[in-house]
Amino acid sequence: MTVDTSALNGLADNDAGRLGDQETADGGGTAVRRWSPFATAALFLLPTAAALVSILKDLGGRQLWRDEHATWWAAGLSFGDLGHLIRSIDAVFTPYYILMHFWVDAAGDSASALRLPSAIAMGAAAGLLALLARRMFTTQVGVAAGLAFAVVPTVTRYGQEARPYAFAVAAVLLSTLLLVRALEQPTFKGWIGYTLSVPLIGWSHLASMAVLLPHVVIVVIARRRGDHIAAWAYAAAGTMGLCFVLPMAAAGSTQKGQISWNNPGTKDLVNLPQHLFGSWAVGAPVMALGLVGLCFAGRYALPLALWVLVPPLATYATAAQLHLFLPRYLLFTVPAWVLLAAVAVCRLAGPVTGRFAGQAPTFRIAVGWVLAAASVAALAWSALPGIREARGPILGEPDFRGVARIVEDGQQPHDGIAFGGVMTERRGMAYELRDDSGRPHDVLMARTPQQAGMYDAVECTHPDACLAKTDRLWLVTTSPPGLQYVNMPKATADVLRKEFRVIRTTKLTDIQVLLLKRVVTAATGSSGDSAADRKVHT
């Protein structure tokens, strides 16, 4: 790998960059100029606003999917019931669920309200990336990186999701920024800030803790350049920070079976850029430019290389044991790729590391800004189809919202509802019918999810008795058409076949809802099972 030789020119200027909140050449090189609070705020707010414009548009338009239903369910539990739940599943999401518990109490549980915290976190991540890129390299790199990150389709996708992945991205960037600043301006306050940021990484998602490896390398480089405090300060900060994460990690290690379904193959590794960035049109150029940017990243080349390469390779190599190779778990690597791509583009305007970073003839600097703007614009144009797709329905997710409308339009007093299939139908319908006081009764539920300490209920083991007083039953199932009784207990299926007849079937995306009516026995005058009574709607 070729390293920009201008970085070597800054080695003799270790302490020159420690002058306050200012732009520095390469983190420890010659200070170019001080930054006012207004300029810092502007640098943060510009990418943040750009990201929020994309994320907040139609924030509640796409219906929740099954993982978001889990967030809604857990956030609505009492702390006692939440404790019961996390003892059996999702202990690693405890801090996020507690946060969302208070948020739902204050803001409600609409799709927009549930997703707004993630939107704010992802918007802030764009601004934090700009500040980090400025400290590592130059203002031009910061602006380009922040704005480019704002238009990545997965930024919109996971900024519009009520899950903790946006928080993981923001926590990783905040922690890295605080570390770089603590090394440039070593103060007790600065290291306390970094110490407090370490738990935020683990609390948002344990896989994001992989960024601590690049952090160690950054500290080692600082130590070799003469910073004798860095290693001790980092050891103390990292150890204290990890103390807040390890208990949760230990509890989560006993529950790894819940993601044992994730067994990726070679195809998943090959398609990682597409899923990590939201489209090949964005992922391919960003990663290609990122590899070029490594050649000009100076002393940050190795930490950034570890940031972008080690997490996917390590999680893929250990997928059979840890099952952590998922694009959304690796989302925290996207900012580093974008940062390196910005380095590659802005290097055309002059050095981005070393004592001469950001210094070039006025004409060349102007050309650099034009190139950076053109690159961001081209990336945004390429990202538009991916952004539109990110706001749309998730492939393979059932249309619970459509089913809820059908049930609400056709329900009658004393109706029952039952579920079949393998796509968390009960939880999805619980969310969509949450405000319907007249919703059908879940007649087959023997123990509630709260009582079971799970996301799903325990079903009745004697369905004939549980269904005895039900004359009309809505059956919501994600099983294939014509096979509505598969993926449910045999006893339940037998009772439904014997004692009920289907009078209407409505098929929606990846789900169907059937209206069943009890068959009148011969003793009271059988009505039979006339095909003329059945209606099928698609």
Protein backbone atom coordinates (compact mmCIF):
# COMPACT_ATOMS: atom_id res chain seq x y z
CA MET A 1 0.00 0.00 0.00
CA THR A 2 1.35 3.41 -0.93
CA VAL A 3 1.06 5.98 1.82
CA ASP A 4 0.88 9.70 1.13
CA THR A 5 4.39 10.96 1.96
CA SER A 6 3.02 14.33 3.03
CA ALA A 7 1.92 12.56 6.25
CA LEU A 8 5.57 12.13 7.19
CA ASN A 9 6.09 15.87 7.14
CA GLY A 10 3.76 16.25 10.10
CA LEU A 11 5.55 13.86 12.43
CA ALA A 12 7.70 16.59 13.93
CA ASP A 13 4.65 18.64 14.81
CA ASN A 14 3.01 16.36 17.37
CA ASP A 15 1.79 19.08 19.66
CA ALA A 16 1.04 21.80 17.17
CA GLY A 17 -2.50 20.53 16.60
CA ARG A 18 -3.47 20.72 20.27
CA LEU A 19 -4.58 24.32 20.27
CA GLY A 20 -8.29 23.97 20.86
CA ASP A 21 -11.27 23.25 18.68
CA GLN A 22 -9.65 23.67 15.30
CA GLU A 23 -9.04 22.01 11.98
CA THR A 24 -5.84 19.94 12.01
CA ALA A 25 -3.76 18.49 9.25
CA ASP A 26 -3.64 14.82 10.19
CA GLY A 27 -4.76 14.65 13.80
CA GLY A 28 -1.33 15.52 15.15
CA GLY A 29 0.08 17.70 12.43
CA THR A 30 0.35 21.45 12.06
CA ALA A 31 -2.79 23.34 12.92
CA VAL A 32 -4.23 25.21 9.96
CA ARG A 33 -6.68 27.42 11.76
CA ARG A 34 -8.97 27.59 14.75
CA TRP A 35 -12.61 26.75 14.38
CA SER A 36 -15.30 28.86 15.92
CA PRO A 37 -18.32 27.20 17.55
CA PHE A 38 -20.43 28.59 14.70
CA ALA A 39 -18.29 26.89 12.05
CA THR A 40 -18.34 23.61 13.97
CA ALA A 41 -22.11 23.80 14.31
CA ALA A 42 -22.48 24.55 10.61
CA LEU A 43 -20.29 21.59 9.67
CA PHE A 44 -22.41 19.33 11.87
CA LEU A 45 -25.80 20.66 10.85
CA LEU A 46 -25.35 20.67 7.07
CA PRO A 47 -25.00 16.88 6.64
CA THR A 48 -27.46 16.27 9.47
CA ALA A 49 -30.11 18.33 7.69
CA ALA A 50 -29.39 16.60 4.38
CA ALA A 51 -29.81 13.18 5.98
CA LEU A 52 -33.00 14.16 7.78
CA VAL A 53 -34.55 15.48 4.56
CA SER A 54 -34.28 11.98 3.11
CA ILE A 55 -35.12 10.08 6.28
CA LEU A 56 -38.12 12.07 7.48
CA LYS A 57 -39.94 11.96 4.13
CA ASP A 58 -42.79 9.46 4.47
CA LEU A 59 -41.34 8.27 7.78
CA GLY A 60 -44.48 6.35 8.73
CA GLY A 61 -45.49 5.33 5.23
CA ARG A 62 -44.02 1.85 5.21
CA GLN A 63 -45.76 -0.45 7.66
CA LEU A 64 -43.75 -1.94 10.49
CA TRP A 65 -42.07 -5.26 9.89
CA ARG A 66 -41.64 -8.11 12.34
CA ASP A 67 -38.50 -6.78 14.08
CA GLU A 68 -40.15 -3.40 14.57
CA HIS A 69 -43.21 -5.16 15.97
CA ALA A 70 -40.83 -6.66 18.54
CA THR A 71 -39.64 -3.16 19.46
CA TRP A 72 -43.22 -1.96 19.87
CA TRP A 73 -44.14 -4.95 21.99
CA ALA A 74 -41.11 -4.73 24.28
CA ALA A 75 -41.37 -0.95 24.66
CA GLY A 76 -44.99 -1.25 25.81
CA LEU A 77 -44.24 -3.73 28.59
CA SER A 78 -43.98 -2.83 32.24
CA PHE A 79 -40.45 -3.06 33.60
CA GLY A 80 -41.41 -6.26 35.40
CA ASP A 81 -42.67 -7.88 32.20
CA LEU A 82 -39.69 -6.52 30.27
CA GLY A 83 -37.36 -8.14 32.80
CA HIS A 84 -39.22 -11.43 32.31
CA LEU A 85 -38.82 -11.11 28.52
CA ILE A 86 -35.11 -10.30 28.42
CA ARG A 87 -34.28 -13.21 30.70
CA SER A 88 -35.29 -15.47 27.84
CA ILE A 89 -34.63 -13.41 24.70
CA ASP A 90 -33.11 -10.14 23.41
CA ALA A 91 -31.07 -9.25 26.51
CA VAL A 92 -28.63 -7.38 24.24
CA PHE A 93 -31.39 -4.92 23.32
CA THR A 94 -32.29 -4.05 26.90
CA PRO A 95 -30.95 -0.45 26.86
CA TYR A 96 -32.74 0.26 23.57
CA TYR A 97 -36.03 -1.16 24.84
CA ILE A 98 -35.80 0.90 28.02
CA LEU A 99 -35.19 4.03 25.96
CA MET A 100 -38.13 3.21 23.71
CA HIS A 101 -40.33 2.51 26.73
CA PHE A 102 -39.96 6.10 27.91
CA TRP A 103 -40.21 7.41 24.34
CA VAL A 104 -43.48 5.57 23.62
CA ASP A 105 -44.94 6.87 26.88
CA ALA A 106 -44.19 10.40 25.72
CA ALA A 107 -44.68 10.27 21.94
CA GLY A 108 -47.06 7.39 21.27
CA ASP A 109 -46.67 4.25 19.21
CA SER A 110 -47.51 5.26 15.66
CA ALA A 111 -45.05 4.12 12.99
CA SER A 112 -43.65 7.65 12.71
CA ALA A 113 -43.27 8.04 16.46
CA LEU A 114 -41.54 4.67 16.85
CA ARG A 115 -39.06 5.51 14.10
CA LEU A 116 -38.31 9.12 15.00
CA PRO A 117 -35.51 8.30 17.52
CA SER A 118 -33.69 6.28 14.85
CA ALA A 119 -34.18 9.09 12.35
CA ILE A 120 -32.61 11.60 14.73
CA ALA A 121 -29.72 9.25 15.53
CA MET A 122 -28.96 8.59 11.86
CA GLY A 123 -29.18 12.28 11.01
CA ALA A 124 -26.75 13.05 13.84
CA ALA A 125 -24.44 10.33 12.51
CA ALA A 126 -24.01 12.26 9.25
CA GLY A 127 -22.97 15.36 11.18
CA LEU A 128 -20.64 13.39 13.45
CA LEU A 129 -18.95 11.86 10.41
CA ALA A 130 -18.29 15.34 9.03
CA LEU A 131 -16.70 16.43 12.32
CA LEU A 132 -14.60 13.27 12.52
CA ALA A 133 -13.40 13.63 8.93
CA ARG A 134 -12.43 17.25 9.60
CA ARG A 135 -10.34 16.26 12.61
CA MET A 136 -8.68 13.38 10.81
CA PHE A 137 -8.17 15.18 7.50
CA THR A 138 -9.57 18.48 6.21
CA THR A 139 -12.77 20.50 6.13
CA GLN A 140 -13.29 19.57 2.51
CA VAL A 141 -13.15 15.87 3.37
CA GLY A 142 -15.57 16.47 6.24
CA VAL A 143 -18.17 18.20 4.10
CA ALA A 144 -17.89 15.63 1.30
CA ALA A 145 -18.05 12.65 3.67
CA GLY A 146 -21.01 13.98 5.66
CA LEU A 147 -23.09 14.83 2.60
CA ALA A 148 -22.19 11.60 0.79
CA PHE A 149 -23.20 9.55 3.83
CA ALA A 150 -26.53 11.39 3.95
CA VAL A 151 -27.56 10.05 0.53
CA VAL A 152 -26.60 6.39 1.04
CA PRO A 153 -29.86 4.38 0.70
CA THR A 154 -29.29 2.32 3.85
CA VAL A 155 -29.04 5.58 5.82
CA THR A 156 -32.65 6.21 4.84
CA ARG A 157 -33.60 2.57 5.28
CA TYR A 158 -32.33 2.19 8.84
CA GLY A 159 -33.09 5.77 9.76
CA GLN A 160 -36.69 4.73 9.12
CA GLU A 161 -36.60 1.65 11.31
CA ALA A 162 -37.52 1.27 14.94
CA ARG A 163 -34.43 -0.78 15.76
CA PRO A 164 -31.09 0.21 17.35
CA TYR A 165 -28.86 0.09 14.24
CA ALA A 166 -28.93 3.85 13.66
CA PHE A 167 -27.89 4.33 17.28
CA ALA A 168 -24.98 1.93 16.73
CA VAL A 169 -23.71 4.02 13.80
CA ALA A 170 -24.02 7.27 15.76
CA ALA A 171 -22.37 5.78 18.86
CA VAL A 172 -19.40 4.46 16.88
CA LEU A 173 -18.83 7.84 15.23
CA LEU A 174 -19.26 9.77 18.48
CA SER A 175 -16.83 7.52 20.32
CA THR A 176 -14.22 7.70 17.56
CA LEU A 177 -14.54 11.49 17.38
CA LEU A 178 -14.11 11.79 21.16
CA LEU A 179 -11.05 9.53 21.06
CA VAL A 180 -9.35 11.51 18.30
CA ARG A 181 -10.12 14.75 20.11
CA ALA A 182 -8.87 13.35 23.44
CA LEU A 183 -5.58 12.43 21.80
CA GLU A 184 -5.24 15.88 20.24
CA GLN A 185 -6.35 17.73 23.37
CA PRO A 186 -5.58 15.40 26.31
CA THR A 187 -7.69 16.59 29.21
CA PHE A 188 -9.46 14.75 32.00
CA LYS A 189 -12.80 15.98 30.65
CA GLY A 190 -11.97 14.69 27.18
CA TRP A 191 -11.11 11.20 28.40
CA ILE A 192 -14.21 11.08 30.59
CA GLY A 193 -16.25 11.82 27.46
CA TYR A 194 -14.62 8.94 25.64
CA THR A 195 -15.12 6.63 28.63
CA LEU A 196 -18.85 7.36 28.65
CA SER A 197 -19.10 6.80 24.91
CA VAL A 198 -17.79 3.21 25.01
CA PRO A 199 -20.89 1.78 26.72
CA LEU A 200 -23.07 3.55 24.15
CA ILE A 201 -21.47 1.43 21.43
CA GLY A 202 -22.16 -1.85 23.20
CA TRP A 203 -25.62 -0.83 24.35
CA SER A 204 -26.67 -0.02 20.81
CA HIS A 205 -25.31 -3.26 19.31
CA LEU A 206 -22.59 -5.61 20.51
CA ALA A 207 -21.22 -6.22 17.00
CA SER A 208 -20.28 -2.53 16.84
CA MET A 209 -17.74 -3.10 19.62
CA ALA A 210 -15.42 -4.27 16.82
CA VAL A 211 -14.56 -0.60 16.31
CA LEU A 212 -12.49 -0.74 19.49
CA LEU A 213 -9.78 -2.52 17.50
CA PRO A 214 -9.20 0.54 15.26
CA HIS A 215 -9.32 2.63 18.43
CA VAL A 216 -6.46 0.61 19.91
CA VAL A 217 -4.40 1.12 16.76
CA ILE A 218 -5.04 4.88 16.83
CA VAL A 219 -3.77 4.97 20.42
CA VAL A 220 -0.71 2.85 19.60
CA ILE A 221 0.19 5.23 16.75
CA ALA A 222 -0.17 8.18 19.12
CA ARG A 223 2.03 6.42 21.65
CA ARG A 224 4.75 5.81 19.08
CA ARG A 225 4.65 9.47 18.13
CA GLY A 226 5.55 10.45 21.67
CA ASP A 227 2.22 10.68 23.51
CA HIS A 228 3.15 8.92 26.75
CA ILE A 229 -0.26 9.51 28.35
CA ALA A 230 -2.39 8.01 25.57
CA ALA A 231 -1.92 4.33 26.35
CA TRP A 232 -2.63 4.66 30.07
CA ALA A 233 -5.59 6.98 29.53
CA TYR A 234 -7.06 4.68 26.92
CA ALA A 235 -6.58 1.58 29.07
CA ALA A 236 -8.41 3.24 31.96
CA ALA A 237 -11.18 4.63 29.75
CA GLY A 238 -11.70 1.42 27.80
CA THR A 239 -11.73 -0.79 30.90
CA MET A 240 -14.22 1.40 32.73
CA GLY A 241 -16.42 1.66 29.65
CA LEU A 242 -16.44 -2.09 29.09
CA CYS A 243 -17.53 -2.70 32.67
CA PHE A 244 -20.94 -1.31 31.72
CA VAL A 245 -21.26 -3.60 28.69
CA LEU A 246 -19.86 -6.96 29.82
CA PRO A 247 -22.83 -7.98 32.03
CA MET A 248 -25.23 -7.47 29.14
CA ALA A 249 -22.87 -9.27 26.77
CA ALA A 250 -22.66 -12.21 29.17
CA ALA A 251 -26.44 -12.44 29.37
CA GLY A 252 -26.73 -12.22 25.59
CA SER A 253 -24.18 -14.98 25.05
CA THR A 254 -26.64 -17.47 26.52
CA GLN A 255 -29.31 -16.43 24.01
CA LYS A 256 -27.36 -16.65 20.75
CA GLY A 257 -29.66 -19.44 19.64
CA GLN A 258 -32.22 -16.79 18.69
CA ILE A 259 -30.11 -15.87 15.64
CA SER A 260 -28.99 -19.40 14.85
CA TRP A 261 -31.11 -19.22 11.69
CA ASN A 262 -28.49 -16.90 10.17
CA ASN A 263 -26.08 -19.14 8.27
CA PRO A 264 -24.65 -17.08 5.38
CA GLY A 265 -22.98 -18.54 2.32
CA THR A 266 -20.48 -17.29 -0.23
CA LYS A 267 -23.23 -15.47 -2.12
CA ASP A 268 -24.02 -13.40 0.98
CA LEU A 269 -20.40 -12.28 1.22
CA VAL A 270 -20.27 -11.39 -2.48
CA ASN A 271 -23.50 -9.39 -2.24
CA LEU A 272 -22.49 -7.59 0.95
CA PRO A 273 -21.77 -4.24 -0.81
CA GLN A 274 -25.27 -4.20 -2.28
CA HIS A 275 -26.95 -4.90 1.04
CA LEU A 276 -24.59 -2.70 3.07
CA PHE A 277 -25.18 0.39 0.94
CA GLY A 278 -28.63 -0.36 -0.46
CA SER A 279 -27.60 -0.80 -4.10
CA TRP A 280 -24.65 -1.77 -6.25
CA ALA A 281 -24.80 1.65 -7.90
CA VAL A 282 -23.76 3.19 -4.57
CA GLY A 283 -21.79 0.41 -2.93
CA ALA A 284 -19.43 -0.34 -5.84
CA PRO A 285 -18.10 3.22 -6.43
CA VAL A 286 -17.88 4.05 -2.72
CA MET A 287 -15.90 0.93 -1.89
CA ALA A 288 -13.68 1.29 -4.96
CA LEU A 289 -12.88 4.91 -4.06
CA GLY A 290 -12.47 3.84 -0.43
CA LEU A 291 -9.69 1.44 -1.34
CA VAL A 292 -7.99 4.27 -3.24
CA GLY A 293 -8.48 6.55 -0.26
CA LEU A 294 -6.52 4.17 1.94
CA CYS A 295 -3.42 5.09 -0.07
CA PHE A 296 -3.76 8.74 0.98
CA ALA A 297 -5.06 8.37 4.54
CA GLY A 298 -1.67 8.78 6.19
CA ARG A 299 -1.48 7.51 9.75
CA TYR A 300 -5.21 6.79 9.74
CA ALA A 301 -4.89 4.29 6.89
CA LEU A 302 -4.44 1.24 9.13
CA PRO A 303 -7.22 2.09 11.64
CA LEU A 304 -9.68 2.81 8.83
CA ALA A 305 -8.68 -0.37 6.99
CA LEU A 306 -9.37 -2.36 10.15
CA TRP A 307 -12.68 -0.53 10.60
CA VAL A 308 -14.02 -1.46 7.16
CA LEU A 309 -12.46 -4.90 6.61
CA VAL A 310 -12.17 -6.74 9.92
CA PRO A 311 -15.86 -6.73 11.04
CA PRO A 312 -17.30 -8.31 7.86
CA LEU A 313 -14.45 -10.80 7.48
CA ALA A 314 -14.45 -11.77 11.15
CA THR A 315 -18.23 -12.16 11.38
CA TYR A 316 -18.27 -14.20 8.16
CA ALA A 317 -15.47 -16.47 9.36
CA THR A 318 -17.30 -17.08 12.66
CA ALA A 319 -20.81 -17.19 11.20
CA ALA A 320 -21.28 -20.86 12.03
CA GLN A 321 -20.62 -20.15 15.72
CA LEU A 322 -21.79 -16.56 16.33
CA HIS A 323 -24.23 -16.01 13.42
CA LEU A 324 -23.43 -12.26 13.34
CA PHE A 325 -22.81 -11.83 9.62
CA LEU A 326 -25.77 -9.62 8.72
CA PRO A 327 -25.57 -6.34 6.76
CA ARG A 328 -27.58 -4.45 9.35
CA TYR A 329 -25.20 -5.62 12.08
CA LEU A 330 -22.30 -4.25 9.98
CA LEU A 331 -23.91 -0.92 9.18
CA PHE A 332 -21.37 0.87 11.38
CA THR A 333 -18.69 0.21 8.73
CA VAL A 334 -20.48 2.33 6.11
CA PRO A 335 -19.29 5.72 7.49
CA ALA A 336 -15.65 4.59 7.30
CA TRP A 337 -16.07 3.53 3.66
CA VAL A 338 -17.64 6.88 2.82
CA LEU A 339 -14.88 8.73 4.68
CA LEU A 340 -12.20 6.93 2.69
CA ALA A 341 -14.03 7.64 -0.57
CA ALA A 342 -14.12 11.34 0.35
CA VAL A 343 -10.37 11.22 1.03
CA ALA A 344 -9.77 9.82 -2.48
CA VAL A 345 -11.85 12.56 -4.13
CA CYS A 346 -10.50 15.45 -2.06
CA ARG A 347 -6.88 14.35 -2.53
CA LEU A 348 -7.18 15.73 -6.08
CA ALA A 349 -7.32 19.21 -4.53
CA GLY A 350 -4.11 18.74 -2.56
CA PRO A 351 -2.77 16.88 0.48
CA VAL A 352 -5.32 15.75 3.04
CA THR A 353 -2.76 14.66 5.64
CA GLY A 354 0.53 16.02 6.91
CA ARG A 355 1.59 19.58 7.65
CA PHE A 356 0.38 20.85 4.28
CA ALA A 357 -3.07 19.31 4.50
CA GLY A 358 -5.70 21.61 3.07
CA GLN A 359 -3.04 23.96 1.71
CA ALA A 360 -2.95 24.45 -2.04
CA PRO A 361 -3.26 27.27 -4.58
CA THR A 362 -6.66 28.92 -4.49
CA PHE A 363 -7.56 27.66 -7.95
CA ARG A 364 -6.79 24.06 -7.01
CA ILE A 365 -8.79 24.35 -3.80
CA ALA A 366 -11.74 25.70 -5.79
CA VAL A 367 -11.45 22.84 -8.25
CA GLY A 368 -11.40 20.45 -5.30
CA TRP A 369 -14.67 21.85 -3.96
CA VAL A 370 -16.23 21.51 -7.41
CA LEU A 371 -15.07 17.90 -7.66
CA ALA A 372 -16.37 17.13 -4.18
CA ALA A 373 -19.75 18.69 -4.99
CA ALA A 374 -19.94 16.86 -8.31
CA SER A 375 -19.07 13.54 -6.65
CA VAL A 376 -21.74 13.95 -3.98
CA ALA A 377 -24.29 14.97 -6.63
CA ALA A 378 -23.42 11.94 -8.79
CA LEU A 379 -23.68 9.65 -5.77
CA ALA A 380 -27.05 11.17 -4.84
CA TRP A 381 -28.33 10.63 -8.38
CA SER A 382 -27.18 7.00 -8.33
CA ALA A 383 -28.75 6.54 -4.91
CA LEU A 384 -32.24 7.79 -5.81
CA PRO A 385 -33.65 4.40 -6.90
CA GLY A 386 -32.22 2.79 -3.76
CA ILE A 387 -33.69 5.53 -1.55
CA ARG A 388 -37.12 5.07 -3.13
CA GLU A 389 -36.85 1.32 -2.57
CA ALA A 390 -35.74 1.91 1.04
CA ARG A 391 -39.00 3.75 1.72
CA GLY A 392 -41.11 1.01 0.15
CA PRO A 393 -42.39 -2.31 1.51
CA ILE A 394 -39.80 -4.81 2.68
CA LEU A 395 -39.61 -7.82 0.40
CA GLY A 396 -41.23 -10.88 1.94
CA GLU A 397 -43.05 -9.00 4.73
CA PRO A 398 -46.79 -9.69 5.06
CA ASP A 399 -49.34 -6.93 4.57
CA PHE A 400 -50.66 -6.86 8.13
CA ARG A 401 -52.00 -3.36 7.63
CA GLY A 402 -54.20 -4.54 4.76
CA VAL A 403 -55.45 -7.52 6.78
CA ALA A 404 -56.34 -5.22 9.68
CA ARG A 405 -58.50 -3.07 7.39
CA ILE A 406 -60.36 -6.14 6.17
CA VAL A 407 -60.99 -7.39 9.69
CA GLU A 408 -62.11 -3.98 10.94
CA ASP A 409 -64.52 -3.58 8.02
CA GLY A 410 -66.08 -7.03 8.43
CA GLN A 411 -65.91 -7.79 12.14
CA GLN A 412 -68.96 -8.46 14.27
CA PRO A 413 -69.38 -8.64 18.05
CA HIS A 414 -68.11 -11.90 19.57
CA ASP A 415 -65.89 -12.71 16.56
CA GLY A 416 -62.72 -14.64 17.29
CA ILE A 417 -59.33 -14.50 15.62
CA ALA A 418 -56.68 -17.20 15.16
CA PHE A 419 -53.27 -17.36 13.52
CA GLY A 420 -51.24 -19.69 11.36
CA GLY A 421 -47.94 -19.56 9.52
CA VAL A 422 -44.41 -18.67 10.52
CA MET A 423 -44.25 -14.84 10.31
CA THR A 424 -45.22 -13.61 13.81
CA GLU A 425 -48.81 -13.08 12.72
CA ARG A 426 -50.18 -12.60 16.23
CA ARG A 427 -47.75 -9.77 17.06
CA GLY A 428 -48.24 -8.04 13.71
CA MET A 429 -52.01 -8.05 14.07
CA ALA A 430 -51.78 -6.97 17.70
CA TYR A 431 -50.01 -3.83 16.53
CA GLU A 432 -52.33 -3.07 13.63
CA LEU A 433 -55.48 -3.63 15.73
CA ARG A 434 -54.12 -1.98 18.88
CA ASP A 435 -56.58 0.93 18.77
CA ASP A 436 -59.63 -1.15 17.81
CA SER A 437 -61.66 -1.66 20.98
CA GLY A 438 -64.01 -4.04 19.15
CA ARG A 439 -61.30 -6.24 17.67
CA PRO A 440 -61.89 -10.00 17.58
CA HIS A 441 -60.93 -11.99 20.64
CA ASP A 442 -57.78 -14.13 20.45
CA VAL A 443 -59.64 -17.31 21.31
CA LEU A 444 -56.70 -19.73 21.14
CA MET A 445 -54.39 -17.81 23.46
CA ALA A 446 -53.93 -19.76 26.69
CA ARG A 447 -51.07 -17.68 28.14
CA THR A 448 -50.24 -14.13 27.12
CA PRO A 449 -46.74 -13.25 25.88
CA GLN A 450 -46.20 -11.33 29.13
CA GLN A 451 -46.97 -14.44 31.15
CA ALA A 452 -44.79 -16.62 28.93
CA GLY A 453 -41.86 -14.19 28.90
CA MET A 454 -41.81 -14.33 25.11
CA TYR A 455 -42.91 -12.36 22.07
CA ASP A 456 -45.64 -14.85 21.26
CA ALA A 457 -48.41 -16.42 23.27
CA VAL A 458 -48.81 -20.01 24.38
CA GLU A 459 -51.73 -21.51 22.51
CA CYS A 460 -54.58 -23.54 23.88
CA THR A 461 -53.90 -27.30 24.06
CA HIS A 462 -57.62 -28.12 23.88
CA PRO A 463 -58.82 -26.08 20.89
CA ASP A 464 -62.26 -27.69 20.82
CA ALA A 465 -62.99 -26.25 24.25
CA CYS A 466 -61.39 -22.88 23.50
CA LEU A 467 -63.44 -22.52 20.30
CA ALA A 468 -66.70 -23.82 21.77
CA LYS A 469 -68.35 -20.41 22.05
CA THR A 470 -67.03 -18.99 18.76
CA ASP A 471 -69.35 -18.96 15.75
CA ARG A 472 -67.28 -16.74 13.46
CA LEU A 473 -63.50 -16.89 13.30
CA TRP A 474 -60.95 -14.80 11.39
CA LEU A 475 -57.94 -16.92 10.44
CA VAL A 476 -54.83 -14.88 9.60
CA THR A 477 -52.07 -16.98 8.09
CA THR A 478 -48.87 -16.61 6.10
CA SER A 479 -49.09 -20.21 4.92
CA PRO A 480 -49.53 -20.71 1.16
CA PRO A 481 -53.06 -20.48 -0.32
CA GLY A 482 -54.88 -23.76 0.04
CA LEU A 483 -52.59 -24.82 2.88
CA GLN A 484 -53.96 -22.53 5.55
CA TYR A 485 -53.97 -25.24 8.21
CA VAL A 486 -50.30 -26.15 7.96
CA ASN A 487 -47.87 -24.57 10.44
CA MET A 488 -50.41 -24.83 13.24
CA PRO A 489 -50.94 -27.54 15.86
CA LYS A 490 -52.61 -30.64 14.43
CA ALA A 491 -55.35 -30.59 17.06
CA THR A 492 -56.25 -27.02 16.14
CA ALA A 493 -56.23 -27.76 12.43
CA ASP A 494 -58.48 -30.79 12.94
CA VAL A 495 -61.05 -28.76 14.88
CA LEU A 496 -61.10 -26.01 12.27
CA ARG A 497 -61.56 -28.48 9.43
CA LYS A 498 -64.30 -30.38 11.23
CA GLU A 499 -66.33 -27.66 12.92
CA PHE A 500 -65.89 -24.62 10.64
CA ARG A 501 -66.27 -23.84 6.98
CA VAL A 502 -64.54 -21.10 5.03
CA ILE A 503 -67.00 -18.52 3.73
CA ARG A 504 -64.51 -15.92 2.49
CA THR A 505 -60.82 -15.80 1.62
CA THR A 506 -58.85 -12.65 0.90
CA LYS A 507 -55.28 -12.92 -0.35
CA LEU A 508 -52.85 -10.06 0.17
CA THR A 509 -49.08 -9.75 -0.15
CA ASP A 510 -47.52 -12.80 1.54
CA ILE A 511 -50.56 -13.29 3.77
CA GLN A 512 -54.21 -14.26 3.60
CA VAL A 513 -57.21 -13.82 5.87
CA LEU A 514 -60.06 -16.30 5.93
CA LEU A 515 -63.46 -15.85 7.54
CA LEU A 516 -64.68 -19.12 9.01
CA LYS A 517 -68.19 -19.90 10.23
CA ARG A 518 -69.20 -22.72 12.51
CA VAL A 519 -70.99 -25.60 10.84
CA VAL A 520 -74.50 -26.14 12.25
CA THR A 521 -74.89 -29.75 13.42
CA ALA A 522 -77.55 -32.10 12.07
CA ALA A 523 -79.39 -32.02 15.39
CA THR A 524 -80.15 -28.36 14.92
CA GLY A 525 -80.40 -28.37 11.17
CA SER A 526 -77.17 -28.64 9.20
CA SER A 527 -76.41 -25.96 6.68
CA GLY A 528 -73.73 -28.08 4.99
CA ASP A 529 -70.64 -26.65 3.40
CA SER A 530 -71.97 -25.23 0.17
CA ALA A 531 -69.40 -24.00 -2.30
CA ALA A 532 -71.86 -21.28 -3.25
CA ASP A 533 -71.36 -19.71 0.18
CA ARG A 534 -67.64 -19.24 -0.31
CA LYS A 535 -66.05 -16.06 -1.62
CA VAL A 536 -62.45 -15.59 -2.63
CA HIS A 537 -60.93 -12.10 -2.98
CA THR A 538 -57.42 -11.37 -4.16
